[in-house]
C-alpha atoms as a PDB file:
ATOM      1  CA  MET A   1      22.185   8.230  12.301  1.00  0.00           C
ATOM      2  CA  SER A   2      22.365   6.375   9.012  1.00  0.00           C
ATOM      3  CA  GLU A   3      22.007   2.957  10.682  1.00  0.00           C
ATOM      4  CA  THR A   4      18.934   4.063  12.614  1.00  0.00           C
ATOM      5  CA  LEU A   5      17.311   5.521   9.522  1.00  0.00           C
ATOM      6  CA  SER A   6      18.077   2.382   7.552  1.00  0.00           C
ATOM      7  CA  MET A   7      16.560   0.186  10.263  1.00  0.00           C
ATOM      8  CA  LEU A   8      13.414   2.334  10.396  1.00  0.00           C
ATOM      9  CA  MET A   9      13.056   2.205   6.624  1.00  0.00           C
ATOM     10  CA  TRP A  10      13.235  -1.624   6.673  1.00  0.00           C
ATOM     11  CA  ILE A  11      10.606  -1.733   9.425  1.00  0.00           C
ATOM     12  CA  VAL A  12       8.304   0.477   7.344  1.00  0.00           C
ATOM     13  CA  VAL A  13       8.895  -1.673   4.261  1.00  0.00           C
ATOM     14  CA  GLY A  14       7.995  -4.768   6.300  1.00  0.00           C
ATOM     15  CA  ILE A  15       4.805  -3.193   7.607  1.00  0.00           C
ATOM     16  CA  PHE A  16       3.726  -2.175   4.118  1.00  0.00           C
ATOM     17  CA  ALA A  17       4.514  -5.630   2.741  1.00  0.00           C
ATOM     18  CA  VAL A  18       2.398  -7.329   5.415  1.00  0.00           C
ATOM     19  CA  ALA A  19      -0.455  -4.847   4.882  1.00  0.00           C
ATOM     20  CA  TRP A  20      -0.306  -5.398   1.120  1.00  0.00           C
ATOM     21  CA  ILE A  21      -0.458  -9.182   1.484  1.00  0.00           C
ATOM     22  CA  VAL A  22      -3.328  -9.060   3.985  1.00  0.00           C
ATOM     23  CA  SER A  23      -5.284  -6.661   1.762  1.00  0.00           C
ATOM     24  CA  PHE A  24      -4.757  -8.768  -1.320  1.00  0.00           C
ATOM     25  CA  VAL A  25      -5.883 -11.927   0.503  1.00  0.00           C
ATOM     26  CA  MET A  26      -9.005 -10.156   1.768  1.00  0.00           C
ATOM     27  CA  VAL A  27      -9.851  -8.876  -1.729  1.00  0.00           C
ATOM     28  CA  ARG A  28      -9.531 -12.410  -3.100  1.00  0.00           C
ATOM     29  CA  LYS A  29     -11.782 -13.824  -0.356  1.00  0.00           C
ATOM     30  CA  GLN A  30     -14.469 -11.242  -1.068  1.00  0.00           C
ATOM     31  CA  LYS A  31     -14.146 -11.454  -4.842  1.00  0.00           C
ATOM     32  CA  HIS A  32     -17.273 -13.535  -5.312  1.00  0.00           C
ATOM     33  CA  ARG A  33     -19.423 -11.685  -2.795  1.00  0.00           C
ATOM     34  CA  GLU A  34     -21.027  -8.357  -3.536  1.00  0.00           C
ATOM     35  CA  LEU A  35     -20.812  -6.335  -0.341  1.00  0.00           C
ATOM     36  CA  ASP A  36     -22.032  -3.054  -1.794  1.00  0.00           C
ATOM     37  CA  LYS A  37     -25.200  -3.279  -3.845  1.00  0.00           C
ATOM     38  CA  GLY A  38     -24.578   0.122  -5.461  1.00  0.00           C
ATOM     39  CA  ALA A  39     -21.008  -0.596  -6.501  1.00  0.00           C
ATOM     40  CA  ASN A  40     -19.689   0.922  -9.685  1.00  0.00           C
ATOM     41  CA  PRO A  41     -19.666  -1.752 -12.436  1.00  0.00           C
ATOM     42  CA  ALA A  42     -16.126  -0.725 -13.432  1.00  0.00           C
ATOM     43  CA  LEU A  43     -14.920  -1.469  -9.899  1.00  0.00           C
ATOM     44  CA  VAL A  44     -16.581  -4.861  -9.889  1.00  0.00           C
ATOM     45  CA  LYS A  45     -15.083  -5.592 -13.319  1.00  0.00           C
ATOM     46  CA  HIS A  46     -11.458  -4.924 -12.317  1.00  0.00           C
ATOM     47  CA  MET A  47     -10.996  -4.925  -8.537  1.00  0.00           C
ATOM     48  CA  VAL A  48      -7.353  -3.847  -8.378  1.00  0.00           C
ATOM     49  CA  ARG A  49      -7.014  -1.155 -11.029  1.00  0.00           C
ATOM     50  CA  ASN A  50     -10.130   0.829 -10.055  1.00  0.00           C
ATOM     51  CA  ASN A  51      -9.876   0.393  -6.284  1.00  0.00           C
ATOM     52  CA  PRO A  52      -8.625   3.555  -4.534  1.00  0.00           C
ATOM     53  CA  ILE A  53      -7.513   1.651  -1.427  1.00  0.00           C
ATOM     54  CA  ILE A  54      -5.273  -0.654  -3.444  1.00  0.00           C
ATOM     55  CA  LEU A  55      -3.900   2.363  -5.311  1.00  0.00           C
ATOM     56  CA  ALA A  56      -3.181   4.000  -1.947  1.00  0.00           C
ATOM     57  CA  TYR A  57      -1.264   0.897  -0.878  1.00  0.00           C
ATOM     58  CA  ILE A  58       0.853   1.280  -3.997  1.00  0.00           C
ATOM     59  CA  ALA A  59       1.383   5.044  -3.710  1.00  0.00           C
ATOM     60  CA  THR A  60       2.084   5.226   0.040  1.00  0.00           C
ATOM     61  CA  PRO A  61       5.328   3.200   0.111  1.00  0.00           C
ATOM     62  CA  ILE A  62       6.604   5.110  -2.897  1.00  0.00           C
ATOM     63  CA  LEU A  63       5.897   8.438  -1.203  1.00  0.00           C
ATOM     64  CA  VAL A  64       7.419   7.227   2.069  1.00  0.00           C
ATOM     65  CA  ALA A  65      10.570   6.148   0.239  1.00  0.00           C
ATOM     66  CA  ILE A  66      10.835   9.526  -1.482  1.00  0.00           C
ATOM     67  CA  GLY A  67      10.308  11.304   1.846  1.00  0.00           C
ATOM     68  CA  ALA A  68      12.923   9.127   3.545  1.00  0.00           C
ATOM     69  CA  ALA A  69      15.411   9.842   0.753  1.00  0.00           C
ATOM     70  CA  ILE A  70      14.826  13.574   1.101  1.00  0.00           C
ATOM     71  CA  LEU A  71      15.163  13.329   4.893  1.00  0.00           C
ATOM     72  CA  TYR A  72      18.374  11.331   4.544  1.00  0.00           C
ATOM     73  CA  TYR A  73      19.768  13.882   2.098  1.00  0.00           C
ATOM     74  CA  PHE A  74      19.144  16.808   4.449  1.00  0.00           C
ATOM     75  CA  LEU A  75      20.308  15.026   7.641  1.00  0.00           C
ATOM     76  CA  ARG A  76      23.668  13.795   6.403  1.00  0.00           C
END
């Protein structure tokens, strides 16, 4: 069971890493274009810190890792 869980955790880490890289590349490509005319000036000023999607990309792997650790603890 431990080997399967470990393999699944590495697959999830890989998926999140690829999603993070793709998102970051897309943000950089769109950095000089204003797609939303009514955008909050704070968001335009600092695109990573004030962007809820980027914050979700940071929080999701952390929460998945905590959930996997809890699951591993109860299944062993």
